[in-house]
Amino acid sequence: MSGIKSILISAILLSIAFIALFTIVLDFSRFFGLYSFYSLYPSYIINRINVILTAALVWLAGKDSLSRADNSLMKLVFALMCIAEAFFLFAKK
């Protein structure tokens, strides 16, 4: 794996972890009645970003995945997940 690719993968993983932590805080803030700050609760939009970043991580893995068939199947699954998340996002409006 090249140096730039490993840095990019690390950055994506850190972004996914940060966004996941942020959405956990947002979800738990609803227990304490703090969601009245938001005119549009942002958690469902932010969760979609995590799915897109995960799909980018799968596409970036390329030759470094376990096997060629595994990589192809994961690319297909994550592409379908991104399409499904887009439909969920647009259905909310």
N, C-alpha and C. Protein backbone atom coordinates (compact mmCIF):
# COMPACT_ATOMS: atom_id res chain seq x y z
N MET A 1 0.85 -1.16 0.00
CA MET A 1 0.00 0.00 0.00
C MET A 1 0.90 1.23 0.00
N SER A 2 0.59 2.19 -0.85
CA SER A 2 1.41 3.39 -0.95
C SER A 2 1.18 4.30 0.26
N GLY A 3 2.10 5.21 0.45
CA GLY A 3 2.02 6.12 1.59
C GLY A 3 0.81 7.04 1.54
N ILE A 4 0.52 7.56 0.36
CA ILE A 4 -0.62 8.47 0.21
C ILE A 4 -1.93 7.73 0.46
N LYS A 5 -2.00 6.52 -0.04
CA LYS A 5 -3.21 5.71 0.14
C LYS A 5 -3.44 5.38 1.62
N SER A 6 -2.38 5.04 2.33
CA SER A 6 -2.54 4.73 3.75
C SER A 6 -2.91 5.97 4.55
N ILE A 7 -2.38 7.12 4.18
CA ILE A 7 -2.76 8.37 4.86
C ILE A 7 -4.22 8.69 4.58
N LEU A 8 -4.66 8.51 3.35
CA LEU A 8 -6.05 8.77 2.99
C LEU A 8 -7.00 7.81 3.71
N ILE A 9 -6.63 6.55 3.79
CA ILE A 9 -7.45 5.57 4.51
C ILE A 9 -7.52 5.92 6.00
N SER A 10 -6.40 6.33 6.57
CA SER A 10 -6.38 6.73 7.98
C SER A 10 -7.26 7.96 8.21
N ALA A 11 -7.20 8.92 7.29
CA ALA A 11 -8.03 10.12 7.42
C ALA A 11 -9.52 9.78 7.33
N ILE A 12 -9.87 8.88 6.42
CA ILE A 12 -11.27 8.47 6.30
C ILE A 12 -11.73 7.74 7.56
N LEU A 13 -10.88 6.86 8.10
CA LEU A 13 -11.23 6.14 9.33
C LEU A 13 -11.40 7.09 10.50
N LEU A 14 -10.53 8.09 10.62
CA LEU A 14 -10.67 9.07 11.69
C LEU A 14 -11.94 9.91 11.51
N SER A 15 -12.25 10.25 10.27
CA SER A 15 -13.48 11.01 10.01
C SER A 15 -14.70 10.20 10.37
N ILE A 16 -14.72 8.93 10.02
CA ILE A 16 -15.85 8.06 10.36
C ILE A 16 -16.00 7.96 11.88
N ALA A 17 -14.89 7.80 12.58
CA ALA A 17 -14.95 7.70 14.05
C ALA A 17 -15.44 9.00 14.67
N PHE A 18 -14.97 10.15 14.17
CA PHE A 18 -15.40 11.44 14.71
C PHE A 18 -16.88 11.68 14.44
N ILE A 19 -17.33 11.39 13.23
CA ILE A 19 -18.74 11.59 12.90
C ILE A 19 -19.62 10.65 13.72
N ALA A 20 -19.17 9.41 13.90
CA ALA A 20 -19.94 8.47 14.71
C ALA A 20 -20.05 8.96 16.15
N LEU A 21 -18.97 9.46 16.71
CA LEU A 21 -19.00 10.00 18.07
C LEU A 21 -19.93 11.21 18.16
N PHE A 22 -19.87 12.07 17.16
CA PHE A 22 -20.73 13.26 17.13
C PHE A 22 -22.21 12.87 17.05
N THR A 23 -22.55 11.89 16.23
CA THR A 23 -23.95 11.48 16.13
C THR A 23 -24.44 10.79 17.40
N ILE A 24 -23.55 10.09 18.09
CA ILE A 24 -23.94 9.49 19.37
C ILE A 24 -24.30 10.59 20.37
N VAL A 25 -23.48 11.65 20.41
CA VAL A 25 -23.77 12.77 21.30
C VAL A 25 -25.10 13.42 20.91
N LEU A 26 -25.33 13.60 19.62
CA LEU A 26 -26.60 14.20 19.18
C LEU A 26 -27.79 13.32 19.55
N ASP A 27 -27.64 12.02 19.39
CA ASP A 27 -28.75 11.13 19.72
C ASP A 27 -29.04 11.12 21.21
N PHE A 28 -28.01 11.13 22.04
CA PHE A 28 -28.23 11.14 23.48
C PHE A 28 -28.71 12.49 23.98
N SER A 29 -28.43 13.57 23.22
CA SER A 29 -28.91 14.88 23.65
C SER A 29 -30.44 14.95 23.58
N ARG A 30 -31.05 14.10 22.79
CA ARG A 30 -32.51 14.08 22.72
C ARG A 30 -33.13 13.57 24.01
N PHE A 31 -32.39 12.72 24.76
CA PHE A 31 -32.91 12.24 26.04
C PHE A 31 -33.07 13.36 27.05
N PHE A 32 -32.24 14.39 26.92
CA PHE A 32 -32.26 15.49 27.87
C PHE A 32 -33.05 16.69 27.36
N GLY A 33 -33.76 16.52 26.25
CA GLY A 33 -34.61 17.58 25.72
C GLY A 33 -33.86 18.69 25.03
N LEU A 34 -32.63 18.44 24.60
CA LEU A 34 -31.82 19.48 23.96
C LEU A 34 -32.03 19.56 22.46
N TYR A 35 -32.89 18.74 21.91
CA TYR A 35 -33.07 18.75 20.45
C TYR A 35 -33.92 19.92 19.99
N SER A 36 -34.45 20.71 20.91
CA SER A 36 -35.26 21.86 20.51
C SER A 36 -34.40 22.95 19.88
N PHE A 37 -33.06 22.84 19.98
CA PHE A 37 -32.18 23.82 19.34
C PHE A 37 -32.27 23.75 17.82
N TYR A 38 -32.58 22.58 17.31
CA TYR A 38 -32.48 22.34 15.87
C TYR A 38 -33.84 22.50 15.20
N SER A 39 -33.87 23.31 14.14
CA SER A 39 -35.10 23.36 13.35
C SER A 39 -35.22 22.10 12.50
N LEU A 40 -34.10 21.56 12.09
CA LEU A 40 -34.04 20.29 11.37
C LEU A 40 -32.99 19.45 12.08
N TYR A 41 -33.41 18.36 12.66
CA TYR A 41 -32.47 17.55 13.44
C TYR A 41 -31.40 16.98 12.52
N PRO A 42 -30.12 17.32 12.72
CA PRO A 42 -29.07 17.00 11.73
C PRO A 42 -28.53 15.58 11.78
N SER A 43 -28.93 14.81 12.74
CA SER A 43 -28.32 13.49 12.90
C SER A 43 -28.56 12.59 11.69
N TYR A 44 -29.75 12.64 11.11
CA TYR A 44 -30.01 11.74 9.99
C TYR A 44 -29.23 12.14 8.75
N ILE A 45 -28.88 13.41 8.62
CA ILE A 45 -28.05 13.84 7.49
C ILE A 45 -26.60 13.42 7.73
N ILE A 46 -26.13 13.59 8.95
CA ILE A 46 -24.75 13.27 9.27
C ILE A 46 -24.51 11.77 9.18
N ASN A 47 -25.49 10.96 9.55
CA ASN A 47 -25.34 9.50 9.43
C ASN A 47 -25.15 9.08 7.98
N ARG A 48 -25.76 9.80 7.06
CA ARG A 48 -25.60 9.48 5.63
C ARG A 48 -24.17 9.72 5.19
N ILE A 49 -23.52 10.71 5.77
CA ILE A 49 -22.13 11.01 5.42
C ILE A 49 -21.23 9.83 5.80
N ASN A 50 -21.51 9.21 6.94
CA ASN A 50 -20.72 8.05 7.36
C ASN A 50 -20.83 6.90 6.37
N VAL A 51 -22.01 6.66 5.84
CA VAL A 51 -22.18 5.59 4.85
C VAL A 51 -21.39 5.90 3.59
N ILE A 52 -21.40 7.14 3.17
CA ILE A 52 -20.65 7.54 1.97
C ILE A 52 -19.15 7.41 2.20
N LEU A 53 -18.67 7.80 3.39
CA LEU A 53 -17.25 7.64 3.70
C LEU A 53 -16.84 6.17 3.75
N THR A 54 -17.72 5.32 4.29
CA THR A 54 -17.43 3.90 4.34
C THR A 54 -17.37 3.31 2.92
N ALA A 55 -18.28 3.75 2.07
CA ALA A 55 -18.24 3.29 0.68
C ALA A 55 -16.96 3.75 -0.01
N ALA A 56 -16.53 4.98 0.26
CA ALA A 56 -15.27 5.47 -0.31
C ALA A 56 -14.09 4.64 0.18
N LEU A 57 -14.15 4.21 1.43
CA LEU A 57 -13.10 3.36 1.99
C LEU A 57 -13.03 2.02 1.27
N VAL A 58 -14.18 1.45 0.97
CA VAL A 58 -14.23 0.17 0.23
C VAL A 58 -13.67 0.35 -1.17
N TRP A 59 -14.05 1.43 -1.84
CA TRP A 59 -13.56 1.66 -3.21
C TRP A 59 -12.06 1.94 -3.20
N LEU A 60 -11.58 2.56 -2.14
CA LEU A 60 -10.16 2.89 -2.06
C LEU A 60 -9.30 1.66 -1.77
N ALA A 61 -9.87 0.66 -1.12
CA ALA A 61 -9.10 -0.53 -0.76
C ALA A 61 -8.53 -1.21 -2.00
N GLY A 62 -9.35 -1.36 -3.03
CA GLY A 62 -8.89 -1.90 -4.30
C GLY A 62 -8.12 -3.20 -4.19
N LYS A 63 -6.86 -3.19 -4.60
CA LYS A 63 -6.02 -4.39 -4.62
C LYS A 63 -5.69 -4.89 -3.21
N ASP A 64 -5.82 -4.04 -2.23
CA ASP A 64 -5.43 -4.41 -0.87
C ASP A 64 -6.53 -5.13 -0.10
N SER A 65 -7.64 -5.46 -0.76
CA SER A 65 -8.72 -6.18 -0.07
C SER A 65 -8.37 -7.66 0.01
N LEU A 66 -9.25 -8.42 0.65
CA LEU A 66 -8.97 -9.84 0.85
C LEU A 66 -8.89 -10.62 -0.45
N SER A 67 -9.90 -10.47 -1.29
CA SER A 67 -9.89 -11.17 -2.58
C SER A 67 -10.62 -10.30 -3.60
N ARG A 68 -10.44 -10.64 -4.85
CA ARG A 68 -11.08 -9.86 -5.92
C ARG A 68 -12.60 -9.99 -5.87
N ALA A 69 -13.10 -11.20 -5.62
CA ALA A 69 -14.55 -11.41 -5.54
C ALA A 69 -15.13 -10.67 -4.33
N ASP A 70 -14.42 -10.69 -3.21
CA ASP A 70 -14.87 -9.99 -2.01
C ASP A 70 -14.94 -8.49 -2.27
N ASN A 71 -13.93 -7.95 -2.92
CA ASN A 71 -13.89 -6.53 -3.22
C ASN A 71 -15.03 -6.13 -4.15
N SER A 72 -15.28 -6.92 -5.17
CA SER A 72 -16.36 -6.61 -6.12
C SER A 72 -17.72 -6.65 -5.43
N LEU A 73 -17.93 -7.64 -4.60
CA LEU A 73 -19.20 -7.75 -3.89
C LEU A 73 -19.38 -6.59 -2.91
N MET A 74 -18.33 -6.22 -2.21
CA MET A 74 -18.43 -5.10 -1.27
C MET A 74 -18.68 -3.79 -2.00
N LYS A 75 -18.07 -3.59 -3.15
CA LYS A 75 -18.32 -2.38 -3.93
C LYS A 75 -19.78 -2.31 -4.36
N LEU A 76 -20.33 -3.43 -4.80
CA LEU A 76 -21.73 -3.47 -5.20
C LEU A 76 -22.65 -3.17 -4.02
N VAL A 77 -22.38 -3.80 -2.88
CA VAL A 77 -23.22 -3.60 -1.70
C VAL A 77 -23.18 -2.15 -1.23
N PHE A 78 -22.00 -1.58 -1.16
CA PHE A 78 -21.90 -0.20 -0.68
C PHE A 78 -22.45 0.80 -1.69
N ALA A 79 -22.36 0.52 -2.98
CA ALA A 79 -23.00 1.39 -3.97
C ALA A 79 -24.51 1.36 -3.78
N LEU A 80 -25.07 0.17 -3.56
CA LEU A 80 -26.51 0.08 -3.31
C LEU A 80 -26.91 0.75 -2.01
N MET A 81 -26.06 0.65 -0.99
CA MET A 81 -26.34 1.33 0.28
C MET A 81 -26.34 2.84 0.11
N CYS A 82 -25.43 3.38 -0.67
CA CYS A 82 -25.39 4.82 -0.92
C CYS A 82 -26.65 5.28 -1.64
N ILE A 83 -27.10 4.49 -2.60
CA ILE A 83 -28.35 4.82 -3.31
C ILE A 83 -29.53 4.79 -2.35
N ALA A 84 -29.58 3.77 -1.48
CA ALA A 84 -30.67 3.66 -0.51
C ALA A 84 -30.64 4.83 0.47
N GLU A 85 -29.48 5.22 0.93
CA GLU A 85 -29.36 6.35 1.86
C GLU A 85 -29.80 7.64 1.19
N ALA A 86 -29.49 7.80 -0.09
CA ALA A 86 -29.94 8.99 -0.81
C ALA A 86 -31.46 9.03 -0.89
N PHE A 87 -32.09 7.88 -1.15
CA PHE A 87 -33.55 7.84 -1.18
C PHE A 87 -34.14 8.15 0.18
N PHE A 88 -33.55 7.63 1.26
CA PHE A 88 -34.03 7.95 2.61
C PHE A 88 -33.89 9.44 2.89
N LEU A 89 -32.79 10.02 2.48
CA LEU A 89 -32.54 11.44 2.72
C LEU A 89 -33.56 12.30 1.99
N PHE A 90 -33.84 11.97 0.74
CA PHE A 90 -34.79 12.79 -0.03
C PHE A 90 -36.23 12.52 0.37
N ALA A 91 -36.51 11.37 0.95
CA ALA A 91 -37.87 11.05 1.39
C ALA A 91 -38.24 11.83 2.64
N LYS A 92 -37.27 12.29 3.42
CA LYS A 92 -37.52 13.02 4.65
C LYS A 92 -38.05 14.42 4.38
N LYS A 93 -37.79 14.97 3.20
CA LYS A 93 -38.18 16.36 2.93
C LYS A 93 -39.57 16.50 2.45
